[in-house]
C-alpha cells in the first residue's frame, strides 16, 4: 500500500477502512496496522457515523420539473407536514399524524408523487378508543392510504374516555416512513417555504 493513496482514499474520498481494504485487496487488519504505523488519525465515532449516513443510498427519488398541479401538491404536502408532522431531530423519521381522511389522502399523494417513495418503508399506526371497532378502522385507513395491513403496527387503544366526550370518528392515524434523508429533505423544504412566504421570519 502507498501512503498517499491510503490518505486519498480515507480523507478525500471518505472510504471506510473496510472499503479501503477491499480496494487494495488486503485485509482490514492490514489497513488498520498501516494507518497506525504511519500515525494517520482516524475519524471519531460521530464523524464515522455521519460519513456512513452520507453514503447511504436514497430510498426515494424526488421528482424534477413539476407541473403546475404538482407544484401545488408539493406546497400543500410541505405545509401539511409543517403543521402536523414530527419535527424533532431526536425522532427524525417522517411521521404525519391526523384524523382527517382528506388530509391523510393528500399527504399520501405528496409522498408518492413528489418523492416516488419505496412502498415497503411505509407504516401505519392507529390511535383509537376502546369502544370503537378497531378492525373496521384498520380497514378504513388501509383502504384510504393503500398501505397493506401487514404494514400496520400494533394499534394504541385508549381505555380511559368519556362516553359523551370528544371523539375522533375514524381514530387518529400516523403515516410513517423510515428514512431520515426524506425527513431532512422535507425539513429543508419547510425552511425554504418559510423564507419565501413567511414575512415574520
N, C-alpha and C. Protein backbone atom coordinates (compact mmCIF):
# COMPACT_ATOMS: atom_id res chain seq x y z
N UNK A 1 0.84 -1.20 0.00
CA UNK A 1 0.00 0.00 0.00
C UNK A 1 0.88 1.25 0.00
N UNK A 2 0.45 2.25 -0.72
CA UNK A 2 1.14 3.53 -0.78
C UNK A 2 0.49 4.50 0.20
N UNK A 3 1.30 5.25 0.94
CA UNK A 3 0.81 6.17 1.96
C UNK A 3 -0.14 7.21 1.37
N UNK A 4 0.27 7.85 0.29
CA UNK A 4 -0.55 8.91 -0.31
C UNK A 4 -1.88 8.36 -0.84
N UNK A 5 -1.84 7.13 -1.34
CA UNK A 5 -3.06 6.52 -1.86
C UNK A 5 -4.06 6.26 -0.73
N UNK A 6 -3.56 5.74 0.40
CA UNK A 6 -4.42 5.47 1.54
C UNK A 6 -4.99 6.77 2.09
N UNK A 7 -4.16 7.82 2.19
CA UNK A 7 -4.63 9.12 2.67
C UNK A 7 -5.72 9.68 1.75
N UNK A 8 -5.52 9.51 0.46
CA UNK A 8 -6.51 9.99 -0.52
C UNK A 8 -7.84 9.25 -0.35
N UNK A 9 -7.76 7.92 -0.22
CA UNK A 9 -8.96 7.12 -0.11
C UNK A 9 -9.71 7.40 1.19
N UNK A 10 -8.95 7.59 2.28
CA UNK A 10 -9.58 7.76 3.59
C UNK A 10 -10.05 9.19 3.84
N UNK A 11 -9.19 10.16 3.55
CA UNK A 11 -9.53 11.54 3.89
C UNK A 11 -10.29 12.29 2.80
N UNK A 12 -9.90 12.07 1.54
CA UNK A 12 -10.55 12.81 0.46
C UNK A 12 -11.81 12.13 -0.05
N UNK A 13 -11.73 10.81 -0.27
CA UNK A 13 -12.88 10.08 -0.81
C UNK A 13 -13.82 9.58 0.29
N UNK A 14 -13.34 9.60 1.53
CA UNK A 14 -14.21 9.22 2.64
C UNK A 14 -14.49 7.74 2.77
N UNK A 15 -13.63 6.89 2.20
CA UNK A 15 -13.85 5.45 2.30
C UNK A 15 -13.58 4.97 3.73
N UNK A 16 -14.27 3.91 4.11
CA UNK A 16 -14.02 3.31 5.41
C UNK A 16 -12.79 2.41 5.32
N UNK A 17 -12.31 1.94 6.47
CA UNK A 17 -11.16 1.04 6.48
C UNK A 17 -11.46 -0.24 5.72
N UNK A 18 -12.69 -0.77 5.90
CA UNK A 18 -13.07 -1.99 5.18
C UNK A 18 -13.14 -1.74 3.68
N UNK A 19 -13.63 -0.57 3.29
CA UNK A 19 -13.70 -0.25 1.86
C UNK A 19 -12.32 -0.09 1.26
N UNK A 20 -11.40 0.51 2.03
CA UNK A 20 -10.01 0.64 1.56
C UNK A 20 -9.37 -0.74 1.42
N UNK A 21 -9.64 -1.61 2.38
CA UNK A 21 -9.10 -2.97 2.33
C UNK A 21 -9.58 -3.69 1.07
N UNK A 22 -10.86 -3.53 0.76
CA UNK A 22 -11.40 -4.15 -0.45
C UNK A 22 -10.77 -3.54 -1.70
N UNK A 23 -10.59 -2.24 -1.69
CA UNK A 23 -9.98 -1.53 -2.83
C UNK A 23 -8.54 -1.97 -3.05
N UNK A 24 -7.80 -2.17 -1.95
CA UNK A 24 -6.39 -2.54 -2.03
C UNK A 24 -6.16 -4.05 -2.06
N UNK A 25 -7.27 -4.80 -1.91
CA UNK A 25 -7.20 -6.28 -1.92
C UNK A 25 -6.32 -6.80 -0.79
N UNK A 26 -6.53 -6.24 0.41
CA UNK A 26 -5.83 -6.70 1.60
C UNK A 26 -6.87 -6.84 2.71
N UNK A 27 -6.47 -7.35 3.85
CA UNK A 27 -7.40 -7.47 4.98
C UNK A 27 -7.56 -6.10 5.64
N UNK A 28 -8.68 -5.90 6.34
CA UNK A 28 -8.88 -4.61 7.01
C UNK A 28 -7.90 -4.45 8.16
N UNK A 29 -7.43 -5.58 8.74
CA UNK A 29 -6.40 -5.51 9.79
C UNK A 29 -5.12 -4.90 9.24
N UNK A 30 -4.81 -5.24 7.99
CA UNK A 30 -3.59 -4.71 7.36
C UNK A 30 -3.69 -3.20 7.18
N UNK A 31 -4.88 -2.75 6.79
CA UNK A 31 -5.08 -1.30 6.62
C UNK A 31 -4.99 -0.60 7.96
N UNK A 32 -5.61 -1.18 8.99
CA UNK A 32 -5.57 -0.60 10.33
C UNK A 32 -4.13 -0.51 10.84
N UNK A 33 -3.35 -1.58 10.65
CA UNK A 33 -1.94 -1.59 11.06
C UNK A 33 -1.15 -0.53 10.30
N UNK A 34 -1.42 -0.42 9.00
CA UNK A 34 -0.73 0.56 8.15
C UNK A 34 -1.01 1.98 8.65
N UNK A 35 -2.27 2.27 8.99
CA UNK A 35 -2.62 3.61 9.45
C UNK A 35 -1.99 3.92 10.80
N UNK A 36 -1.95 2.93 11.68
CA UNK A 36 -1.31 3.14 12.98
C UNK A 36 0.19 3.37 12.82
N UNK A 37 0.79 2.60 11.94
CA UNK A 37 2.24 2.71 11.69
C UNK A 37 2.61 4.10 11.20
N UNK A 38 1.76 4.66 10.35
CA UNK A 38 2.05 5.98 9.77
C UNK A 38 1.35 7.11 10.53
N UNK A 39 0.79 6.77 11.69
CA UNK A 39 0.15 7.76 12.57
C UNK A 39 -0.92 8.58 11.84
N UNK A 40 -1.74 7.87 11.09
CA UNK A 40 -2.85 8.52 10.39
C UNK A 40 -4.05 8.59 11.33
N UNK A 41 -4.53 9.79 11.60
CA UNK A 41 -5.65 9.98 12.53
C UNK A 41 -6.92 9.36 11.95
N UNK A 42 -7.63 8.63 12.79
CA UNK A 42 -8.90 8.03 12.36
C UNK A 42 -10.06 8.93 12.74
N UNK A 43 -11.19 8.72 12.07
CA UNK A 43 -12.38 9.50 12.35
C UNK A 43 -12.94 9.15 13.74
N UNK A 44 -13.59 10.12 14.35
CA UNK A 44 -14.30 9.84 15.60
C UNK A 44 -15.54 9.03 15.26
N UNK A 45 -16.17 8.46 16.29
CA UNK A 45 -17.40 7.68 16.06
C UNK A 45 -18.48 8.55 15.43
N UNK A 46 -18.56 9.81 15.87
CA UNK A 46 -19.55 10.73 15.33
C UNK A 46 -19.28 11.01 13.86
N UNK A 47 -18.02 11.25 13.53
CA UNK A 47 -17.64 11.52 12.14
C UNK A 47 -17.86 10.29 11.26
N UNK A 48 -17.53 9.11 11.81
CA UNK A 48 -17.71 7.87 11.05
C UNK A 48 -19.19 7.62 10.78
N UNK A 49 -20.02 7.90 11.80
CA UNK A 49 -21.46 7.70 11.64
C UNK A 49 -22.02 8.66 10.59
N UNK A 50 -21.56 9.92 10.63
CA UNK A 50 -22.02 10.92 9.66
C UNK A 50 -21.59 10.55 8.25
N UNK A 51 -20.37 10.04 8.12
CA UNK A 51 -19.86 9.64 6.80
C UNK A 51 -20.65 8.45 6.27
N UNK A 52 -20.94 7.49 7.13
CA UNK A 52 -21.72 6.32 6.73
C UNK A 52 -23.11 6.73 6.28
N UNK A 53 -23.71 7.67 7.02
CA UNK A 53 -25.04 8.16 6.69
C UNK A 53 -25.05 8.86 5.34
N UNK A 54 -24.02 9.67 5.08
CA UNK A 54 -23.96 10.41 3.82
C UNK A 54 -23.84 9.49 2.61
N UNK A 55 -23.25 8.33 2.81
CA UNK A 55 -23.07 7.37 1.71
C UNK A 55 -24.28 6.45 1.54
N UNK A 56 -25.21 6.52 2.50
CA UNK A 56 -26.38 5.64 2.44
C UNK A 56 -27.26 6.02 1.24
N UNK A 57 -27.63 5.06 0.41
CA UNK A 57 -28.44 5.39 -0.78
C UNK A 57 -29.84 5.87 -0.40
N UNK A 58 -30.42 6.71 -1.23
CA UNK A 58 -31.76 7.21 -1.01
C UNK A 58 -32.79 6.11 -1.26
N UNK A 59 -33.87 6.14 -0.50
CA UNK A 59 -34.96 5.19 -0.71
C UNK A 59 -36.08 5.83 -1.51
N UNK A 60 -35.84 7.04 -1.97
CA UNK A 60 -36.86 7.78 -2.72
C UNK A 60 -36.18 8.54 -3.87
N UNK A 61 -36.99 9.02 -4.79
CA UNK A 61 -36.48 9.79 -5.92
C UNK A 61 -37.34 11.03 -6.09
N UNK A 62 -36.80 12.17 -5.71
CA UNK A 62 -37.57 13.41 -5.80
C UNK A 62 -37.79 13.79 -7.26
N UNK A 63 -39.03 14.06 -7.59
CA UNK A 63 -39.39 14.36 -8.97
C UNK A 63 -38.93 15.76 -9.35
N UNK A 64 -38.39 15.89 -10.55
CA UNK A 64 -37.96 17.18 -11.06
C UNK A 64 -38.99 17.69 -12.07
N UNK A 65 -38.88 18.98 -12.42
CA UNK A 65 -39.73 19.58 -13.45
C UNK A 65 -41.21 19.31 -13.19
N UNK A 66 -41.68 19.80 -12.05
CA UNK A 66 -43.07 19.57 -11.65
C UNK A 66 -44.03 20.37 -12.53
N UNK A 67 -45.19 19.79 -12.76
CA UNK A 67 -46.27 20.51 -13.43
C UNK A 67 -46.85 21.51 -12.43
N UNK A 68 -47.72 22.41 -12.90
CA UNK A 68 -48.34 23.38 -12.01
C UNK A 68 -49.14 22.68 -10.91
N UNK A 69 -49.87 21.62 -11.27
CA UNK A 69 -50.65 20.87 -10.28
C UNK A 69 -49.75 20.18 -9.27
N UNK A 70 -48.62 19.67 -9.74
CA UNK A 70 -47.67 19.00 -8.84
C UNK A 70 -47.01 20.01 -7.91
N UNK A 71 -46.75 21.21 -8.40
CA UNK A 71 -46.19 22.25 -7.53
C UNK A 71 -47.17 22.61 -6.42
N UNK A 72 -48.46 22.67 -6.76
CA UNK A 72 -49.49 22.93 -5.74
C UNK A 72 -49.54 21.81 -4.72
N UNK A 73 -49.45 20.56 -5.21
CA UNK A 73 -49.45 19.40 -4.31
C UNK A 73 -48.23 19.42 -3.41
N UNK A 74 -47.09 19.79 -3.97
CA UNK A 74 -45.85 19.86 -3.20
C UNK A 74 -45.97 20.89 -2.08
N UNK A 75 -46.48 22.06 -2.40
CA UNK A 75 -46.66 23.10 -1.40
C UNK A 75 -47.64 22.63 -0.32
N UNK A 76 -48.75 22.02 -0.74
CA UNK A 76 -49.75 21.53 0.22
C UNK A 76 -49.14 20.47 1.13
N UNK A 77 -48.38 19.54 0.55
CA UNK A 77 -47.78 18.46 1.35
C UNK A 77 -46.79 18.97 2.37
N UNK A 78 -45.96 19.94 1.97
CA UNK A 78 -44.99 20.52 2.89
C UNK A 78 -45.70 21.28 4.01
N UNK A 79 -46.74 22.04 3.67
CA UNK A 79 -47.49 22.77 4.70
C UNK A 79 -48.19 21.82 5.67
N UNK A 80 -48.72 20.71 5.13
CA UNK A 80 -49.36 19.73 6.00
C UNK A 80 -48.35 19.16 7.00
N UNK A 81 -47.15 18.85 6.49
CA UNK A 81 -46.15 18.28 7.40
C UNK A 81 -45.65 19.32 8.40
N UNK A 82 -45.52 20.56 7.97
CA UNK A 82 -45.12 21.63 8.88
C UNK A 82 -46.11 21.73 10.04
N UNK A 83 -47.40 21.58 9.72
CA UNK A 83 -48.44 21.70 10.74
C UNK A 83 -48.60 20.44 11.58
N UNK A 84 -48.55 19.26 10.96
CA UNK A 84 -48.95 18.02 11.63
C UNK A 84 -47.88 16.93 11.66
N UNK A 85 -46.68 17.23 11.22
CA UNK A 85 -45.63 16.21 11.17
C UNK A 85 -44.65 16.29 12.33
N UNK A 86 -43.98 15.18 12.61
CA UNK A 86 -42.94 15.13 13.66
C UNK A 86 -41.71 15.88 13.16
N UNK A 87 -41.22 16.82 13.97
CA UNK A 87 -40.10 17.65 13.52
C UNK A 87 -38.89 17.60 14.46
N UNK A 88 -38.94 16.77 15.49
CA UNK A 88 -37.82 16.67 16.42
C UNK A 88 -36.66 15.88 15.79
N UNK A 89 -35.45 16.42 15.90
CA UNK A 89 -34.28 15.73 15.36
C UNK A 89 -34.01 14.42 16.09
N UNK A 90 -34.47 14.30 17.33
CA UNK A 90 -34.28 13.06 18.08
C UNK A 90 -35.11 11.92 17.49
N UNK A 91 -36.18 12.27 16.77
CA UNK A 91 -37.06 11.28 16.16
C UNK A 91 -36.64 11.06 14.71
N UNK A 92 -36.65 12.13 13.96
CA UNK A 92 -36.11 12.22 12.60
C UNK A 92 -36.51 11.10 11.63
N UNK A 93 -37.77 10.66 11.72
CA UNK A 93 -38.33 9.88 10.62
C UNK A 93 -39.60 10.62 10.20
N UNK A 94 -40.05 10.42 9.01
CA UNK A 94 -41.27 11.07 8.56
C UNK A 94 -42.44 10.45 9.31
N UNK A 95 -43.18 11.28 10.04
CA UNK A 95 -44.33 10.82 10.83
C UNK A 95 -45.41 11.89 10.76
N UNK A 96 -46.44 11.63 9.97
CA UNK A 96 -47.55 12.56 9.81
C UNK A 96 -48.77 11.98 10.50
N UNK A 97 -49.36 12.74 11.43
CA UNK A 97 -50.50 12.23 12.20
C UNK A 97 -51.71 13.13 11.99
N UNK A 98 -52.86 12.51 11.70
CA UNK A 98 -54.08 13.27 11.52
C UNK A 98 -55.29 12.35 11.58
N UNK A 99 -56.46 12.95 11.82
CA UNK A 99 -57.70 12.17 11.84
C UNK A 99 -58.59 12.50 10.65
N UNK A 100 -58.17 13.48 9.84
CA UNK A 100 -58.95 13.91 8.68
C UNK A 100 -58.56 13.09 7.45
N UNK A 101 -59.46 12.27 6.92
CA UNK A 101 -59.13 11.42 5.78
C UNK A 101 -58.63 12.20 4.56
N UNK A 102 -59.18 13.40 4.32
CA UNK A 102 -58.76 14.19 3.16
C UNK A 102 -57.31 14.64 3.30
N UNK A 103 -56.93 15.04 4.51
CA UNK A 103 -55.55 15.47 4.73
C UNK A 103 -54.58 14.30 4.59
N UNK A 104 -54.95 13.16 5.15
CA UNK A 104 -54.09 11.98 5.06
C UNK A 104 -53.95 11.54 3.60
N UNK A 105 -55.05 11.55 2.86
CA UNK A 105 -55.02 11.17 1.45
C UNK A 105 -54.12 12.11 0.65
N UNK A 106 -54.21 13.42 0.92
CA UNK A 106 -53.38 14.39 0.22
C UNK A 106 -51.90 14.19 0.56
N UNK A 107 -51.61 13.89 1.82
CA UNK A 107 -50.21 13.67 2.21
C UNK A 107 -49.65 12.43 1.54
N UNK A 108 -50.46 11.39 1.41
CA UNK A 108 -50.01 10.19 0.71
C UNK A 108 -49.70 10.51 -0.76
N UNK A 109 -50.55 11.31 -1.40
CA UNK A 109 -50.30 11.72 -2.79
C UNK A 109 -48.98 12.49 -2.88
N UNK A 110 -48.74 13.33 -1.90
CA UNK A 110 -47.49 14.11 -1.84
C UNK A 110 -46.27 13.19 -1.79
N UNK A 111 -46.30 12.20 -0.90
CA UNK A 111 -45.17 11.27 -0.79
C UNK A 111 -44.96 10.48 -2.07
N UNK A 112 -46.04 10.00 -2.63
CA UNK A 112 -45.93 9.12 -3.79
C UNK A 112 -45.61 9.87 -5.09
N UNK A 113 -46.17 11.04 -5.24
CA UNK A 113 -45.99 11.79 -6.48
C UNK A 113 -44.68 12.58 -6.50
N UNK A 114 -44.42 13.30 -5.43
CA UNK A 114 -43.25 14.18 -5.38
C UNK A 114 -41.97 13.40 -5.08
N UNK A 115 -42.06 12.36 -4.24
CA UNK A 115 -40.86 11.65 -3.82
C UNK A 115 -40.76 10.21 -4.34
N UNK A 116 -41.79 9.71 -4.95
CA UNK A 116 -41.73 8.35 -5.53
C UNK A 116 -41.08 7.38 -4.53
N UNK A 117 -41.71 7.27 -3.39
CA UNK A 117 -41.16 6.54 -2.25
C UNK A 117 -41.16 5.02 -2.45
N UNK A 118 -40.41 4.35 -1.59
CA UNK A 118 -40.38 2.89 -1.52
C UNK A 118 -41.55 2.45 -0.63
N UNK A 119 -42.56 1.86 -1.22
CA UNK A 119 -43.78 1.49 -0.50
C UNK A 119 -43.53 0.59 0.71
N UNK A 120 -42.48 -0.21 0.65
CA UNK A 120 -42.20 -1.16 1.74
C UNK A 120 -41.79 -0.45 3.02
N UNK A 121 -41.36 0.79 2.93
CA UNK A 121 -40.92 1.53 4.12
C UNK A 121 -42.07 2.22 4.85
N UNK A 122 -43.24 2.21 4.27
CA UNK A 122 -44.40 2.85 4.89
C UNK A 122 -44.94 2.02 6.06
N UNK A 123 -45.36 2.71 7.10
CA UNK A 123 -46.01 2.06 8.23
C UNK A 123 -47.21 2.90 8.67
N UNK A 124 -48.24 2.23 9.19
CA UNK A 124 -49.39 2.90 9.76
C UNK A 124 -49.47 2.57 11.25
N UNK A 125 -49.84 3.57 12.04
CA UNK A 125 -50.07 3.34 13.47
C UNK A 125 -51.38 4.00 13.85
N UNK A 126 -52.33 3.20 14.32
CA UNK A 126 -53.66 3.68 14.65
C UNK A 126 -53.79 4.00 16.13
N UNK A 127 -54.42 5.14 16.41
CA UNK A 127 -54.75 5.55 17.77
C UNK A 127 -56.26 5.67 17.84
N UNK A 128 -56.89 4.92 18.74
CA UNK A 128 -58.36 4.96 18.82
C UNK A 128 -58.83 4.68 20.24
N UNK A 129 -60.17 4.58 20.42
CA UNK A 129 -60.76 4.35 21.73
C UNK A 129 -61.31 2.92 21.83
N UNK A 130 -61.44 2.46 23.07
CA UNK A 130 -61.82 1.06 23.32
C UNK A 130 -63.21 0.72 22.82
N UNK A 131 -64.10 1.72 22.71
CA UNK A 131 -65.46 1.41 22.26
C UNK A 131 -65.61 1.53 20.74
N UNK A 132 -64.51 1.72 20.04
CA UNK A 132 -64.55 1.77 18.58
C UNK A 132 -64.20 0.41 17.99
N UNK A 133 -64.65 0.16 16.77
CA UNK A 133 -64.37 -1.09 16.08
C UNK A 133 -62.99 -1.01 15.44
N UNK A 134 -62.02 -1.61 16.07
CA UNK A 134 -60.63 -1.49 15.62
C UNK A 134 -60.45 -2.08 14.22
N UNK A 135 -61.03 -3.25 13.98
CA UNK A 135 -60.88 -3.89 12.66
C UNK A 135 -61.45 -3.02 11.56
N UNK A 136 -62.58 -2.39 11.84
CA UNK A 136 -63.21 -1.51 10.86
C UNK A 136 -62.33 -0.30 10.58
N UNK A 137 -61.73 0.25 11.63
CA UNK A 137 -60.85 1.41 11.46
C UNK A 137 -59.58 1.04 10.69
N UNK A 138 -59.03 -0.10 10.99
CA UNK A 138 -57.85 -0.58 10.26
C UNK A 138 -58.17 -0.71 8.78
N UNK A 139 -59.29 -1.32 8.49
CA UNK A 139 -59.72 -1.50 7.10
C UNK A 139 -59.91 -0.15 6.41
N UNK A 140 -60.51 0.80 7.13
CA UNK A 140 -60.75 2.13 6.57
C UNK A 140 -59.45 2.82 6.18
N UNK A 141 -58.49 2.85 7.11
CA UNK A 141 -57.25 3.57 6.84
C UNK A 141 -56.36 2.85 5.83
N UNK A 142 -56.36 1.53 5.85
CA UNK A 142 -55.57 0.78 4.87
C UNK A 142 -56.12 1.00 3.46
N UNK A 143 -57.43 1.01 3.34
CA UNK A 143 -58.04 1.26 2.03
C UNK A 143 -57.77 2.69 1.55
N UNK A 144 -57.86 3.63 2.47
CA UNK A 144 -57.64 5.03 2.10
C UNK A 144 -56.20 5.29 1.67
N UNK A 145 -55.25 4.76 2.44
CA UNK A 145 -53.83 5.03 2.16
C UNK A 145 -53.21 4.06 1.16
N UNK A 146 -53.94 2.96 0.88
CA UNK A 146 -53.42 1.90 0.01
C UNK A 146 -52.13 1.30 0.58
N UNK A 147 -52.09 1.22 1.90
CA UNK A 147 -50.98 0.55 2.60
C UNK A 147 -51.52 -0.75 3.17
N UNK A 148 -50.91 -1.89 2.87
CA UNK A 148 -51.45 -3.17 3.35
C UNK A 148 -51.44 -3.28 4.86
N UNK A 149 -52.38 -4.04 5.40
CA UNK A 149 -52.49 -4.19 6.85
C UNK A 149 -51.25 -4.83 7.47
N UNK A 150 -50.48 -5.54 6.67
CA UNK A 150 -49.24 -6.16 7.17
C UNK A 150 -48.22 -5.09 7.58
N UNK A 151 -48.42 -3.85 7.13
CA UNK A 151 -47.52 -2.75 7.46
C UNK A 151 -48.12 -1.83 8.53
N UNK A 152 -49.10 -2.36 9.25
CA UNK A 152 -49.71 -1.64 10.37
C UNK A 152 -49.08 -2.13 11.66
N UNK A 153 -48.59 -1.19 12.48
CA UNK A 153 -48.06 -1.57 13.79
C UNK A 153 -49.22 -1.74 14.77
N UNK A 154 -48.94 -2.29 15.93
CA UNK A 154 -49.99 -2.58 16.90
C UNK A 154 -50.73 -1.29 17.29
N UNK A 155 -52.06 -1.26 17.11
CA UNK A 155 -52.83 -0.04 17.44
C UNK A 155 -52.73 0.32 18.92
N UNK A 156 -52.80 1.62 19.18
CA UNK A 156 -52.89 2.10 20.56
C UNK A 156 -54.37 2.32 20.85
N UNK A 157 -54.90 1.57 21.81
CA UNK A 157 -56.33 1.64 22.13
C UNK A 157 -56.49 2.28 23.50
N UNK A 158 -57.06 3.47 23.52
CA UNK A 158 -57.21 4.21 24.76
C UNK A 158 -58.43 3.70 25.54
N UNK A 159 -58.20 3.35 26.78
CA UNK A 159 -59.27 2.79 27.62
C UNK A 159 -60.02 3.86 28.41
N UNK A 160 -59.34 4.95 28.75
CA UNK A 160 -59.97 5.98 29.58
C UNK A 160 -60.56 7.08 28.69
N UNK A 161 -61.86 7.09 28.57
CA UNK A 161 -62.54 8.09 27.76
C UNK A 161 -63.93 8.31 28.33
N UNK A 162 -64.52 9.44 27.95
CA UNK A 162 -65.88 9.76 28.38
C UNK A 162 -66.86 9.38 27.28
N UNK A 163 -67.97 8.79 27.66
CA UNK A 163 -68.97 8.36 26.68
C UNK A 163 -69.41 9.52 25.79
N UNK A 164 -69.61 10.69 26.41
CA UNK A 164 -70.08 11.85 25.66
C UNK A 164 -68.94 12.82 25.34
N UNK A 165 -67.72 12.37 25.54
CA UNK A 165 -66.58 13.25 25.28
C UNK A 165 -66.28 13.36 23.80
N UNK A 166 -65.35 14.27 23.50
CA UNK A 166 -64.96 14.47 22.11
C UNK A 166 -64.30 13.20 21.59
N UNK A 167 -64.68 12.77 20.39
CA UNK A 167 -64.15 11.52 19.85
C UNK A 167 -63.84 11.67 18.36
N UNK A 168 -62.73 11.09 17.94
CA UNK A 168 -62.39 11.08 16.52
C UNK A 168 -63.08 9.89 15.87
N UNK A 169 -64.01 10.15 14.98
CA UNK A 169 -64.83 9.09 14.39
C UNK A 169 -64.01 7.97 13.79
N UNK A 170 -62.93 8.33 13.10
CA UNK A 170 -62.08 7.33 12.43
C UNK A 170 -60.79 7.05 13.19
N UNK A 171 -60.72 7.52 14.44
CA UNK A 171 -59.48 7.41 15.17
C UNK A 171 -58.46 8.38 14.60
N UNK A 172 -57.24 8.27 15.05
CA UNK A 172 -56.14 9.09 14.53
C UNK A 172 -55.10 8.16 13.94
N UNK A 173 -54.59 8.50 12.77
CA UNK A 173 -53.63 7.62 12.10
C UNK A 173 -52.28 8.31 11.94
N UNK A 174 -51.22 7.57 12.21
CA UNK A 174 -49.86 8.04 11.92
C UNK A 174 -49.39 7.36 10.64
N UNK A 175 -48.97 8.15 9.67
CA UNK A 175 -48.31 7.62 8.47
C UNK A 175 -46.82 7.84 8.68
N UNK A 176 -46.06 6.75 8.69
CA UNK A 176 -44.62 6.83 8.97
C UNK A 176 -43.80 6.28 7.80
N UNK A 177 -42.66 6.92 7.59
CA UNK A 177 -41.75 6.47 6.53
C UNK A 177 -40.34 6.53 7.10
N UNK A 178 -39.68 5.38 7.16
CA UNK A 178 -38.40 5.28 7.87
C UNK A 178 -37.20 5.60 6.98
N UNK A 179 -36.98 6.88 6.75
CA UNK A 179 -35.78 7.33 6.04
C UNK A 179 -35.47 8.75 6.51
N UNK A 180 -34.40 8.89 7.28
CA UNK A 180 -34.03 10.20 7.82
C UNK A 180 -33.73 11.18 6.70
N UNK A 181 -33.23 10.69 5.57
CA UNK A 181 -32.90 11.61 4.48
C UNK A 181 -34.15 12.24 3.89
N UNK A 182 -35.26 11.50 3.85
CA UNK A 182 -36.50 12.09 3.38
C UNK A 182 -36.99 13.12 4.40
N UNK A 183 -36.88 12.81 5.69
CA UNK A 183 -37.25 13.75 6.74
C UNK A 183 -36.44 15.04 6.60
N UNK A 184 -35.14 14.91 6.38
CA UNK A 184 -34.27 16.07 6.22
C UNK A 184 -34.67 16.89 4.98
N UNK A 185 -35.03 16.21 3.92
CA UNK A 185 -35.45 16.91 2.70
C UNK A 185 -36.73 17.70 2.93
N UNK A 186 -37.69 17.11 3.63
CA UNK A 186 -38.93 17.82 3.92
C UNK A 186 -38.66 19.00 4.86
N UNK A 187 -37.78 18.81 5.85
CA UNK A 187 -37.42 19.91 6.74
C UNK A 187 -36.78 21.06 5.96
N UNK A 188 -35.93 20.73 4.99
CA UNK A 188 -35.28 21.75 4.17
C UNK A 188 -36.32 22.51 3.35
N UNK A 189 -37.31 21.77 2.81
CA UNK A 189 -38.36 22.41 2.02
C UNK A 189 -39.22 23.32 2.88
N UNK A 190 -39.49 22.93 4.13
CA UNK A 190 -40.23 23.79 5.05
C UNK A 190 -39.50 25.11 5.25
N UNK A 191 -38.18 25.03 5.48
CA UNK A 191 -37.39 26.24 5.68
C UNK A 191 -37.40 27.12 4.44
N UNK A 192 -37.34 26.50 3.26
CA UNK A 192 -37.37 27.27 2.01
C UNK A 192 -38.69 28.00 1.85
N UNK A 193 -39.80 27.32 2.16
CA UNK A 193 -41.10 27.96 2.06
C UNK A 193 -41.28 29.05 3.11
N UNK A 194 -40.72 28.84 4.29
CA UNK A 194 -40.78 29.86 5.33
C UNK A 194 -40.09 31.14 4.88
N UNK A 195 -38.92 30.99 4.28
CA UNK A 195 -38.17 32.15 3.80
C UNK A 195 -38.91 32.85 2.65
N UNK A 196 -39.61 32.05 1.85
CA UNK A 196 -40.27 32.62 0.69
C UNK A 196 -41.60 33.30 1.03
N UNK A 197 -42.35 32.71 1.97
CA UNK A 197 -43.71 33.19 2.21
C UNK A 197 -43.97 33.79 3.58
N UNK A 198 -43.19 33.42 4.59
CA UNK A 198 -43.49 33.89 5.95
C UNK A 198 -42.77 35.21 6.21
N UNK A 199 -43.50 36.30 6.26
CA UNK A 199 -42.89 37.63 6.38
C UNK A 199 -42.25 37.87 7.74
N UNK A 200 -42.61 37.09 8.76
CA UNK A 200 -42.07 37.31 10.11
C UNK A 200 -40.73 36.63 10.30
N UNK A 201 -40.31 35.77 9.34
CA UNK A 201 -39.05 35.03 9.51
C UNK A 201 -37.88 35.97 9.23
